[in-house]
Protein backbone atom coordinates (compact mmCIF):
# COMPACT_ATOMS: atom_id res chain seq x y z
CA MET A 1 -0.85 -16.58 -36.26
CA ARG A 2 -1.87 -15.55 -39.78
CA ALA A 3 -3.66 -12.39 -38.65
CA SER A 4 -0.56 -11.15 -36.82
CA TYR A 5 1.54 -11.65 -40.00
CA TYR A 6 -1.00 -9.69 -42.00
CA TYR A 7 -1.14 -6.85 -39.49
CA SER A 8 2.64 -6.57 -39.29
CA PHE A 9 2.88 -6.60 -43.10
CA ALA A 10 0.15 -3.95 -43.43
CA ALA A 11 1.81 -1.77 -40.80
CA LEU A 12 5.17 -2.09 -42.54
CA VAL A 13 3.67 -1.15 -45.91
CA LEU A 14 1.89 1.88 -44.44
CA PHE A 15 5.03 3.06 -42.66
CA ALA A 16 7.27 2.54 -45.71
CA MET A 17 4.89 4.30 -48.09
CA GLY A 18 4.46 7.14 -45.60
CA MET A 19 8.23 7.64 -45.47
CA VAL A 20 8.66 7.38 -49.22
CA PHE A 21 5.88 9.85 -49.95
CA GLU A 22 7.99 12.52 -48.24
CA LEU A 23 10.33 12.38 -51.25
CA PRO A 24 9.48 15.93 -52.44
CA ILE A 25 10.27 17.35 -49.01
CA TRP A 26 13.69 15.70 -49.02
CA ILE A 27 14.45 16.86 -52.55
CA LEU A 28 13.41 20.44 -51.75
CA ALA A 29 15.56 20.37 -48.61
CA LEU A 30 18.58 19.27 -50.65
CA VAL A 31 17.90 22.00 -53.22
CA ARG A 32 17.55 24.62 -50.48
CA LEU A 33 20.83 23.48 -48.91
CA ARG A 34 22.37 23.71 -52.40
CA VAL A 35 23.43 20.06 -52.38
CA LEU A 36 21.29 19.58 -55.51
CA THR A 37 20.13 22.02 -58.14
CA ALA A 38 17.05 21.89 -60.30
CA ASP A 39 19.28 21.79 -63.38
CA LYS A 40 21.17 18.79 -62.01
CA LEU A 41 17.87 17.04 -61.26
CA ARG A 42 16.68 17.67 -64.81
CA ARG A 43 19.88 16.36 -66.37
CA ASN A 44 19.90 13.20 -64.23
CA ARG A 45 16.17 12.49 -64.50
CA ARG A 46 16.71 8.98 -65.94
CA ILE A 47 18.98 7.99 -63.07
CA GLY A 48 16.37 9.32 -60.65
CA PHE A 49 13.66 7.25 -62.31
CA VAL A 50 15.78 4.12 -61.99
CA LEU A 51 16.47 4.88 -58.32
CA VAL A 52 12.77 5.45 -57.66
CA VAL A 53 11.90 2.11 -59.30
CA VAL A 54 14.58 0.36 -57.23
CA LEU A 55 13.17 2.01 -54.12
CA ALA A 56 9.68 0.79 -55.03
CA ILE A 57 11.05 -2.72 -55.51
CA LEU A 58 12.60 -2.60 -52.04
CA LEU A 59 9.29 -1.66 -50.48
CA PRO A 60 7.31 -4.60 -49.15
CA THR A 61 5.09 -5.91 -51.91
CA VAL A 62 3.33 -9.13 -52.76
CA ASP A 63 2.73 -9.10 -56.51
CA PRO A 64 3.51 -7.08 -59.66
CA VAL A 65 0.22 -5.17 -59.46
CA SER A 66 1.09 -3.91 -55.97
CA LEU A 67 4.52 -2.97 -57.26
CA LEU A 68 2.91 -0.98 -60.05
CA PHE A 69 0.61 0.77 -57.58
CA GLU A 70 3.66 1.70 -55.49
CA THR A 71 5.87 2.73 -58.42
CA LEU A 72 3.54 5.02 -60.37
CA PRO A 73 2.83 7.49 -57.55
CA LEU A 74 6.52 7.59 -56.69
CA LEU A 75 7.46 8.44 -60.28
CA VAL A 76 4.82 11.18 -60.35
CA LEU A 77 6.08 12.53 -57.01
CA PHE A 78 9.66 12.54 -58.26
CA GLU A 79 8.73 14.41 -61.43
CA ALA A 80 6.58 16.87 -59.46
CA SER A 81 9.42 17.47 -57.03
CA ILE A 82 11.74 18.35 -59.93
CA TRP A 83 9.30 20.99 -61.15
CA LEU A 84 8.69 22.21 -57.62
CA ALA A 85 12.47 22.51 -57.18
CA VAL A 86 12.64 24.65 -60.33
CA LEU A 87 9.95 27.00 -59.04
CA MET A 88 11.30 27.23 -55.52
CA GLU A 89 14.89 27.71 -56.67
CA ARG A 90 13.82 30.71 -58.74
CA ARG A 91 11.85 32.12 -55.81
CA TRP A 92 14.76 31.66 -53.41
CA GLU A 93 17.18 33.31 -55.87
CA ARG A 94 14.87 36.32 -56.23
CA ALA A 95 14.50 36.57 -52.45
CA ASP A 96 18.28 36.41 -51.99
CA GLU A 97 18.81 39.12 -54.63
CA GLY A 98 16.21 41.32 -52.96
CA LEU A 99 17.87 40.78 -49.59
CA TRP A 100 21.23 41.89 -50.93
CA ALA A 101 19.73 44.90 -52.73
CA GLU A 102 18.17 46.27 -49.53
CA GLN A 103 21.45 46.40 -47.59
CA PRO A 104 23.39 49.71 -47.70
């Protein structure tokens, strides 16, 4: 019975971390849909960090070291997604301006 518990726990951890590591894709999608802006993400960075830590706590973990190994990459991904949102928002704005300039 113990091996089946371990395998189900390992599968759950892999699935949860796989879903959570798509955080930058979700943030970019919200920025593209104009639900969020890069400026709003920058201003509310502390709230985002708290939410990311809470999300890491909700992930299946056994000990504080595992929690640390889950939290640090998520914080880096969140920060990277803020900067990626800044870059992509500028690119999308330039593309939209160029699209409007080409029309007669």
